[in-house]
Structure formats: C-alpha cells, structure tokens
PDB file of N, CA and C in Angstrom:
ATOM      1  N   UNK A   1      23.075 186.812 106.930  1.00  0.00           N
ATOM      2  CA  UNK A   1      21.203 186.579 107.596  1.00  0.00           C
ATOM      3  C   UNK A   1      20.592 186.475 106.274  1.00  0.00           C
ATOM      4  N   UNK A   2      19.654 185.612 105.720  1.00  0.00           N
ATOM      5  CA  UNK A   2      18.927 185.048 104.861  1.00  0.00           C
ATOM      6  C   UNK A   2      16.919 186.238 105.012  1.00  0.00           C
ATOM      7  N   UNK A   3      17.195 186.507 103.688  1.00  0.00           N
ATOM      8  CA  UNK A   3      15.933 187.384 104.202  1.00  0.00           C
ATOM      9  C   UNK A   3      14.811 186.238 104.443  1.00  0.00           C
ATOM     10  N   UNK A   4      14.003 186.668 105.330  1.00  0.00           N
ATOM     11  CA  UNK A   4      12.348 185.959 105.781  1.00  0.00           C
ATOM     12  C   UNK A   4      11.612 185.936 104.132  1.00  0.00           C
ATOM     13  N   UNK A   5      11.870 186.901 103.369  1.00  0.00           N
ATOM     14  CA  UNK A   5      11.347 187.017 101.937  1.00  0.00           C
ATOM     15  C   UNK A   5      11.658 185.444 101.638  1.00  0.00           C
ATOM     16  N   UNK A   6      12.820 185.652 101.133  1.00  0.00           N
ATOM     17  CA  UNK A   6      13.525 184.752 100.190  1.00  0.00           C
ATOM     18  C   UNK A   6      13.044 183.217 101.422  1.00  0.00           C
ATOM     19  N   UNK A   7      12.908 182.895 102.363  1.00  0.00           N
ATOM     20  CA  UNK A   7      12.928 181.946 103.591  1.00  0.00           C
ATOM     21  C   UNK A   7      10.915 181.412 102.371  1.00  0.00           C
ATOM     22  N   UNK A   8      10.639 182.691 103.101  1.00  0.00           N
ATOM     23  CA  UNK A   8       8.591 182.186 102.815  1.00  0.00           C
ATOM     24  C   UNK A   8       8.455 182.153 101.102  1.00  0.00           C
ATOM     25  N   UNK A   9       9.020 182.651 100.862  1.00  0.00           N
ATOM     26  CA  UNK A   9       9.328 182.127  98.954  1.00  0.00           C
ATOM     27  C   UNK A   9       9.447 180.846  98.676  1.00  0.00           C
ATOM     28  N   UNK A  10      10.417 180.572  99.009  1.00  0.00           N
ATOM     29  CA  UNK A  10      10.804 178.949  98.662  1.00  0.00           C
ATOM     30  C   UNK A  10      10.340 177.966  99.404  1.00  0.00           C
ATOM     31  N   UNK A  11       9.265 178.057 100.830  1.00  0.00           N
ATOM     32  CA  UNK A  11       8.947 177.762 101.569  1.00  0.00           C
ATOM     33  C   UNK A  11       7.641 177.676 100.442  1.00  0.00           C
ATOM     34  N   UNK A  12       6.887 178.081  99.826  1.00  0.00           N
ATOM     35  CA  UNK A  12       5.325 178.556  99.305  1.00  0.00           C
ATOM     36  C   UNK A  12       5.926 177.412  97.968  1.00  0.00           C
ATOM     37  N   UNK A  13       6.688 177.865  97.559  1.00  0.00           N
ATOM     38  CA  UNK A  13       6.851 177.101  96.153  1.00  0.00           C
ATOM     39  C   UNK A  13       8.039 176.302  95.970  1.00  0.00           C
ATOM     40  N   UNK A  14       8.833 175.724  96.712  1.00  0.00           N
ATOM     41  CA  UNK A  14       9.306 174.339  96.891  1.00  0.00           C
ATOM     42  C   UNK A  14       8.660 173.310  96.176  1.00  0.00           C
ATOM     43  N   UNK A  15       7.592 173.318  95.970  1.00  0.00           N
ATOM     44  CA  UNK A  15       6.617 172.372  95.507  1.00  0.00           C
ATOM     45  C   UNK A  15       5.871 172.851  94.978  1.00  0.00           C
ATOM     46  N   UNK A  16       6.226 173.899  93.649  1.00  0.00           N
ATOM     47  CA  UNK A  16       5.142 174.470  92.973  1.00  0.00           C
ATOM     48  C   UNK A  16       5.979 174.500  91.970  1.00  0.00           C
ATOM     49  N   UNK A  17       6.759 174.698  92.160  1.00  0.00           N
ATOM     50  CA  UNK A  17       8.012 175.659  90.869  1.00  0.00           C
ATOM     51  C   UNK A  17       7.470 174.821  89.398  1.00  0.00           C
ATOM     52  N   UNK A  18       7.306 174.809  88.937  1.00  0.00           N
ATOM     53  CA  UNK A  18       6.376 174.149  87.471  1.00  0.00           C
ATOM     54  C   UNK A  18       6.062 175.585  87.251  1.00  0.00           C
ATOM     55  N   UNK A  19       4.768 175.902  87.097  1.00  0.00           N
ATOM     56  CA  UNK A  19       4.476 177.363  86.993  1.00  0.00           C
ATOM     57  C   UNK A  19       5.557 178.251  87.424  1.00  0.00           C
ATOM     58  N   UNK A  20       4.785 179.767  87.272  1.00  0.00           N
ATOM     59  CA  UNK A  20       4.820 181.428  86.611  1.00  0.00           C
ATOM     60  C   UNK A  20       4.197 181.593  88.136  1.00  0.00           C
ATOM     61  N   UNK A  21       4.804 182.999  88.876  1.00  0.00           N
ATOM     62  CA  UNK A  21       3.639 183.173  89.535  1.00  0.00           C
ATOM     63  C   UNK A  21       3.032 184.527  88.976  1.00  0.00           C
ATOM     64  N   UNK A  22       1.757 184.548  89.417  1.00  0.00           N
ATOM     65  CA  UNK A  22       1.142 186.311  88.679  1.00  0.00           C
ATOM     66  C   UNK A  22       1.396 187.167  89.612  1.00  0.00           C
ATOM     67  N   UNK A  23       0.467 188.025  89.458  1.00  0.00           N
ATOM     68  CA  UNK A  23       0.997 189.410  89.312  1.00  0.00           C
ATOM     69  C   UNK A  23       0.331 189.533  91.110  1.00  0.00           C
ATOM     70  N   UNK A  24      -0.611 188.654  90.774  1.00  0.00           N
ATOM     71  CA  UNK A  24      -0.974 188.910  92.514  1.00  0.00           C
ATOM     72  C   UNK A  24       0.072 188.763  93.905  1.00  0.00           C
ATOM     73  N   UNK A  25       0.547 186.932  92.920  1.00  0.00           N
ATOM     74  CA  UNK A  25       1.510 186.122  93.976  1.00  0.00           C
ATOM     75  C   UNK A  25       2.470 187.622  94.524  1.00  0.00           C
ATOM     76  N   UNK A  26       3.020 187.967  93.337  1.00  0.00           N
ATOM     77  CA  UNK A  26       4.227 188.939  93.621  1.00  0.00           C
ATOM     78  C   UNK A  26       3.544 190.365  94.426  1.00  0.00           C
ATOM     79  N   UNK A  27       2.580 190.462  94.416  1.00  0.00           N
ATOM     80  CA  UNK A  27       2.257 191.568  95.028  1.00  0.00           C
ATOM     81  C   UNK A  27       1.874 191.538  96.693  1.00  0.00           C
ATOM     82  N   UNK A  28       1.431 190.197  96.901  1.00  0.00           N
ATOM     83  CA  UNK A  28       1.081 189.613  97.836  1.00  0.00           C
ATOM     84  C   UNK A  28       2.480 189.241  98.880  1.00  0.00           C
ATOM     85  N   UNK A  29       3.651 188.875  98.590  1.00  0.00           N
ATOM     86  CA  UNK A  29       4.950 188.398  98.589  1.00  0.00           C
ATOM     87  C   UNK A  29       5.123 189.954  98.844  1.00  0.00           C
ATOM     88  N   UNK A  30       5.270 191.130  98.362  1.00  0.00           N
ATOM     89  CA  UNK A  30       6.351 192.100  98.337  1.00  0.00           C
ATOM     90  C   UNK A  30       5.002 193.312  99.807  1.00  0.00           C
ATOM     91  N   UNK A  31       3.731 192.926  99.728  1.00  0.00           N
ATOM     92  CA  UNK A  31       3.623 193.530 100.622  1.00  0.00           C
ATOM     93  C   UNK A  31       3.216 192.508 102.074  1.00  0.00           C
ATOM     94  N   UNK A  32       4.030 191.856 101.840  1.00  0.00           N
ATOM     95  CA  UNK A  32       4.655 191.374 103.115  1.00  0.00           C
ATOM     96  C   UNK A  32       5.767 191.241 103.611  1.00  0.00           C
ATOM     97  N   UNK A  33       7.056 191.768 102.691  1.00  0.00           N
ATOM     98  CA  UNK A  33       8.206 191.440 103.589  1.00  0.00           C
ATOM     99  C   UNK A  33       8.126 193.127 104.327  1.00  0.00           C
ATOM    100  N   UNK A  34       9.402 192.705 104.845  1.00  0.00           N
ATOM    101  CA  UNK A  34      10.429 194.004 105.602  1.00  0.00           C
ATOM    102  C   UNK A  34      10.080 195.378 104.904  1.00  0.00           C
ATOM    103  N   UNK A  35      10.773 196.489 105.215  1.00  0.00           N
ATOM    104  CA  UNK A  35      11.154 197.794 104.888  1.00  0.00           C
ATOM    105  C   UNK A  35      12.637 197.169 104.211  1.00  0.00           C
ATOM    106  N   UNK A  36      13.166 196.304 104.987  1.00  0.00           N
ATOM    107  CA  UNK A  36      14.308 195.930 104.310  1.00  0.00           C
ATOM    108  C   UNK A  36      14.919 195.203 103.809  1.00  0.00           C
ATOM    109  N   UNK A  37      13.780 193.953 103.924  1.00  0.00           N
ATOM    110  CA  UNK A  37      13.664 193.441 102.440  1.00  0.00           C
ATOM    111  C   UNK A  37      13.243 193.351 101.181  1.00  0.00           C
ATOM    112  N   UNK A  38      12.358 194.912 101.158  1.00  0.00           N
ATOM    113  CA  UNK A  38      11.792 195.288 100.075  1.00  0.00           C
ATOM    114  C   UNK A  38      13.367 196.396  99.711  1.00  0.00           C
ATOM    115  N   UNK A  39      13.857 197.243 100.023  1.00  0.00           N
ATOM    116  CA  UNK A  39      15.090 197.608  99.688  1.00  0.00           C
ATOM    117  C   UNK A  39      15.825 196.845  98.827  1.00  0.00           C
ATOM    118  N   UNK A  40      16.401 195.763  99.637  1.00  0.00           N
ATOM    119  CA  UNK A  40      17.577 194.690  99.452  1.00  0.00           C
ATOM    120  C   UNK A  40      17.266 194.415  97.773  1.00  0.00           C
ATOM    121  N   UNK A  41      15.369 194.089  97.956  1.00  0.00           N
ATOM    122  CA  UNK A  41      15.441 193.348  96.458  1.00  0.00           C
ATOM    123  C   UNK A  41      14.804 194.598  95.172  1.00  0.00           C
ATOM    124  N   UNK A  42      15.271 195.738  95.541  1.00  0.00           N
ATOM    125  CA  UNK A  42      14.769 197.005  94.910  1.00  0.00           C
ATOM    126  C   UNK A  42      16.091 197.407  94.227  1.00  0.00           C
ATOM    127  N   UNK A  43      17.006 197.228  95.129  1.00  0.00           N
ATOM    128  CA  UNK A  43      18.732 197.455  94.545  1.00  0.00           C
ATOM    129  C   UNK A  43      19.315 196.578  93.831  1.00  0.00           C
ATOM    130  N   UNK A  44      19.030 195.494  94.266  1.00  0.00           N
ATOM    131  CA  UNK A  44      19.171 193.873  93.640  1.00  0.00           C
ATOM    132  C   UNK A  44      18.998 194.117  92.045  1.00  0.00           C
ATOM    133  N   UNK A  45      17.352 194.468  91.535  1.00  0.00           N
ATOM    134  CA  UNK A  45      16.966 194.766  90.951  1.00  0.00           C
ATOM    135  C   UNK A  45      17.711 195.895  90.378  1.00  0.00           C
ATOM    136  N   UNK A  46      17.769 196.701  90.439  1.00  0.00           N
ATOM    137  CA  UNK A  46      18.717 197.377  89.895  1.00  0.00           C
ATOM    138  C   UNK A  46      20.176 197.349  89.856  1.00  0.00           C
ATOM    139  N   UNK A  47      20.998 196.475  90.318  1.00  0.00           N
ATOM    140  CA  UNK A  47      22.282 196.011  89.579  1.00  0.00           C
ATOM    141  C   UNK A  47      22.238 195.188  89.156  1.00  0.00           C
ATOM    142  N   UNK A  48      21.578 194.516  88.791  1.00  0.00           N
ATOM    143  CA  UNK A  48      21.032 193.555  87.924  1.00  0.00           C
ATOM    144  C   UNK A  48      21.086 194.303  87.035  1.00  0.00           C
ATOM    145  N   UNK A  49      20.033 194.946  86.781  1.00  0.00           N
ATOM    146  CA  UNK A  49      19.419 195.803  85.398  1.00  0.00           C
ATOM    147  C   UNK A  49      20.641 196.462  84.917  1.00  0.00           C
ATOM    148  N   UNK A  50      21.475 197.095  85.615  1.00  0.00           N
ATOM    149  CA  UNK A  50      22.341 197.779  85.022  1.00  0.00           C
ATOM    150  C   UNK A  50      23.631 197.418  84.830  1.00  0.00           C
ATOM    151  N   UNK A  51      23.898 195.794  85.058  1.00  0.00           N
ATOM    152  CA  UNK A  51      24.726 195.080  84.611  1.00  0.00           C
ATOM    153  C   UNK A  51      24.248 194.704  83.409  1.00  0.00           C
ATOM    154  N   UNK A  52      23.253 194.280  83.588  1.00  0.00           N
ATOM    155  CA  UNK A  52      22.509 193.340  82.054  1.00  0.00           C
ATOM    156  C   UNK A  52      23.008 194.904  81.031  1.00  0.00           C
ATOM    157  N   UNK A  53      22.640 196.311  80.979  1.00  0.00           N
ATOM    158  CA  UNK A  53      22.320 197.022  79.964  1.00  0.00           C
ATOM    159  C   UNK A  53      23.774 197.466  79.638  1.00  0.00           C
ATOM    160  N   UNK A  54      25.460 197.297  80.596  1.00  0.00           N
ATOM    161  CA  UNK A  54      26.833 197.466  80.329  1.00  0.00           C
ATOM    162  C   UNK A  54      26.931 196.322  79.338  1.00  0.00           C
ATOM    163  N   UNK A  55      26.470 194.954  79.446  1.00  0.00           N
ATOM    164  CA  UNK A  55      26.856 193.758  78.900  1.00  0.00           C
ATOM    165  C   UNK A  55      26.408 194.237  77.370  1.00  0.00           C
ATOM    166  N   UNK A  56      24.901 194.261  77.193  1.00  0.00           N
ATOM    167  CA  UNK A  56      24.426 194.847  75.945  1.00  0.00           C
ATOM    168  C   UNK A  56      24.941 195.473  75.054  1.00  0.00           C
ATOM    169  N   UNK A  57      25.671 196.755  75.786  1.00  0.00           N
ATOM    170  CA  UNK A  57      25.975 197.615  75.424  1.00  0.00           C
ATOM    171  C   UNK A  57      27.727 197.634  74.992  1.00  0.00           C
ATOM    172  N   UNK A  58      28.426 196.273  75.776  1.00  0.00           N
ATOM    173  CA  UNK A  58      29.419 196.043  75.290  1.00  0.00           C
ATOM    174  C   UNK A  58      30.713 197.047  76.503  1.00  0.00           C
ATOM    175  N   UNK A  59      29.898 197.837  78.108  1.00  0.00           N
ATOM    176  CA  UNK A  59      30.942 198.331  78.833  1.00  0.00           C
ATOM    177  C   UNK A  59      31.355 197.278  79.910  1.00  0.00           C
ATOM    178  N   UNK A  60      32.681 197.392  80.289  1.00  0.00           N
ATOM    179  CA  UNK A  60      32.798 196.419  81.630  1.00  0.00           C
ATOM    180  C   UNK A  60      33.597 195.418  81.017  1.00  0.00           C
ATOM    181  N   UNK A  61      33.159 195.308  79.877  1.00  0.00           N
ATOM    182  CA  UNK A  61      34.102 193.655  79.639  1.00  0.00           C
ATOM    183  C   UNK A  61      35.411 193.457  78.842  1.00  0.00           C
ATOM    184  N   UNK A  62      35.751 194.558  78.692  1.00  0.00           N
ATOM    185  CA  UNK A  62      37.571 195.006  78.473  1.00  0.00           C
ATOM    186  C   UNK A  62      38.030 196.211  78.319  1.00  0.00           C
ATOM    187  N   UNK A  63      39.183 196.279  79.656  1.00  0.00           N
ATOM    188  CA  UNK A  63      40.021 197.276  79.935  1.00  0.00           C
ATOM    189  C   UNK A  63      41.126 197.670  79.023  1.00  0.00           C
ATOM    190  N   UNK A  64      41.148 198.792  78.132  1.00  0.00           N
ATOM    191  CA  UNK A  64      42.722 199.119  77.002  1.00  0.00           C
ATOM    192  C   UNK A  64      43.777 198.654  78.075  1.00  0.00           C
ATOM    193  N   UNK A  65      44.433 198.425  77.063  1.00  0.00           N
ATOM    194  CA  UNK A  65      45.853 198.299  78.002  1.00  0.00           C
ATOM    195  C   UNK A  65      46.494 199.150  77.916  1.00  0.00           C
ATOM    196  N   UNK A  66      46.520 200.552  77.539  1.00  0.00           N
ATOM    197  CA  UNK A  66      47.218 201.329  78.042  1.00  0.00           C
ATOM    198  C   UNK A  66      46.717 202.417  79.240  1.00  0.00           C
ATOM    199  N   UNK A  67      44.888 202.264  79.775  1.00  0.00           N
ATOM    200  CA  UNK A  67      44.512 202.852  80.679  1.00  0.00           C
ATOM    201  C   UNK A  67      44.726 203.094  81.831  1.00  0.00           C
ATOM    202  N   UNK A  68      44.950 203.373  82.473  1.00  0.00           N
ATOM    203  CA  UNK A  68      45.602 203.703  83.837  1.00  0.00           C
ATOM    204  C   UNK A  68      44.017 202.511  85.218  1.00  0.00           C
ATOM    205  N   UNK A  69      45.077 202.428  86.183  1.00  0.00           N
ATOM    206  CA  UNK A  69      44.372 201.516  86.704  1.00  0.00           C
ATOM    207  C   UNK A  69      43.930 202.358  87.658  1.00  0.00           C
ATOM    208  N   UNK A  70      42.329 202.054  87.936  1.00  0.00           N
ATOM    209  CA  UNK A  70      41.717 203.037  89.373  1.00  0.00           C
ATOM    210  C   UNK A  70      41.812 201.848  90.257  1.00  0.00           C
ATOM    211  N   UNK A  71      42.397 202.258  91.534  1.00  0.00           N
ATOM    212  CA  UNK A  71      42.208 201.260  92.754  1.00  0.00           C
ATOM    213  C   UNK A  71      40.662 202.050  94.111  1.00  0.00           C
TER     214      UNK A  71
END
C-alpha cells in the first residue's frame, strides 16, 4: 500500500523537481504525515544510514570463506 506522504510529495513536486525542499516545506509535509508514515520514514532513514555506515567501514561486503553460514 503506497504511503499517502509519498503520493502527496509526488503530486506536489512532479512539476517542480528542479529545486530543493527547504526546511519549512519538509516540516510541513512531516506535520501532515500519519504516525505510520512517520515511523516508516524514520525506519527507512535509520536503515539507509546503517547501510551507508557499514559500506563506509567495509562491513558486509564480503564473507570470509571459512566463516560459518548463519541461517
């Protein structure tokens, strides 16, 4: 099920994607989000931040050949 926030953001910016959101725009959109949308956005942010940190530190890129598989 698509998030209302994503749909609203697309509708608002589909013809304006040449610029950036300013803080006021972002806070306005966040203020209109449901609790579910807000938690989903935050969870995605945390996940992507963790993935980026792991990539920067070289974690998760390879698994040593003798390491046991965890299922």
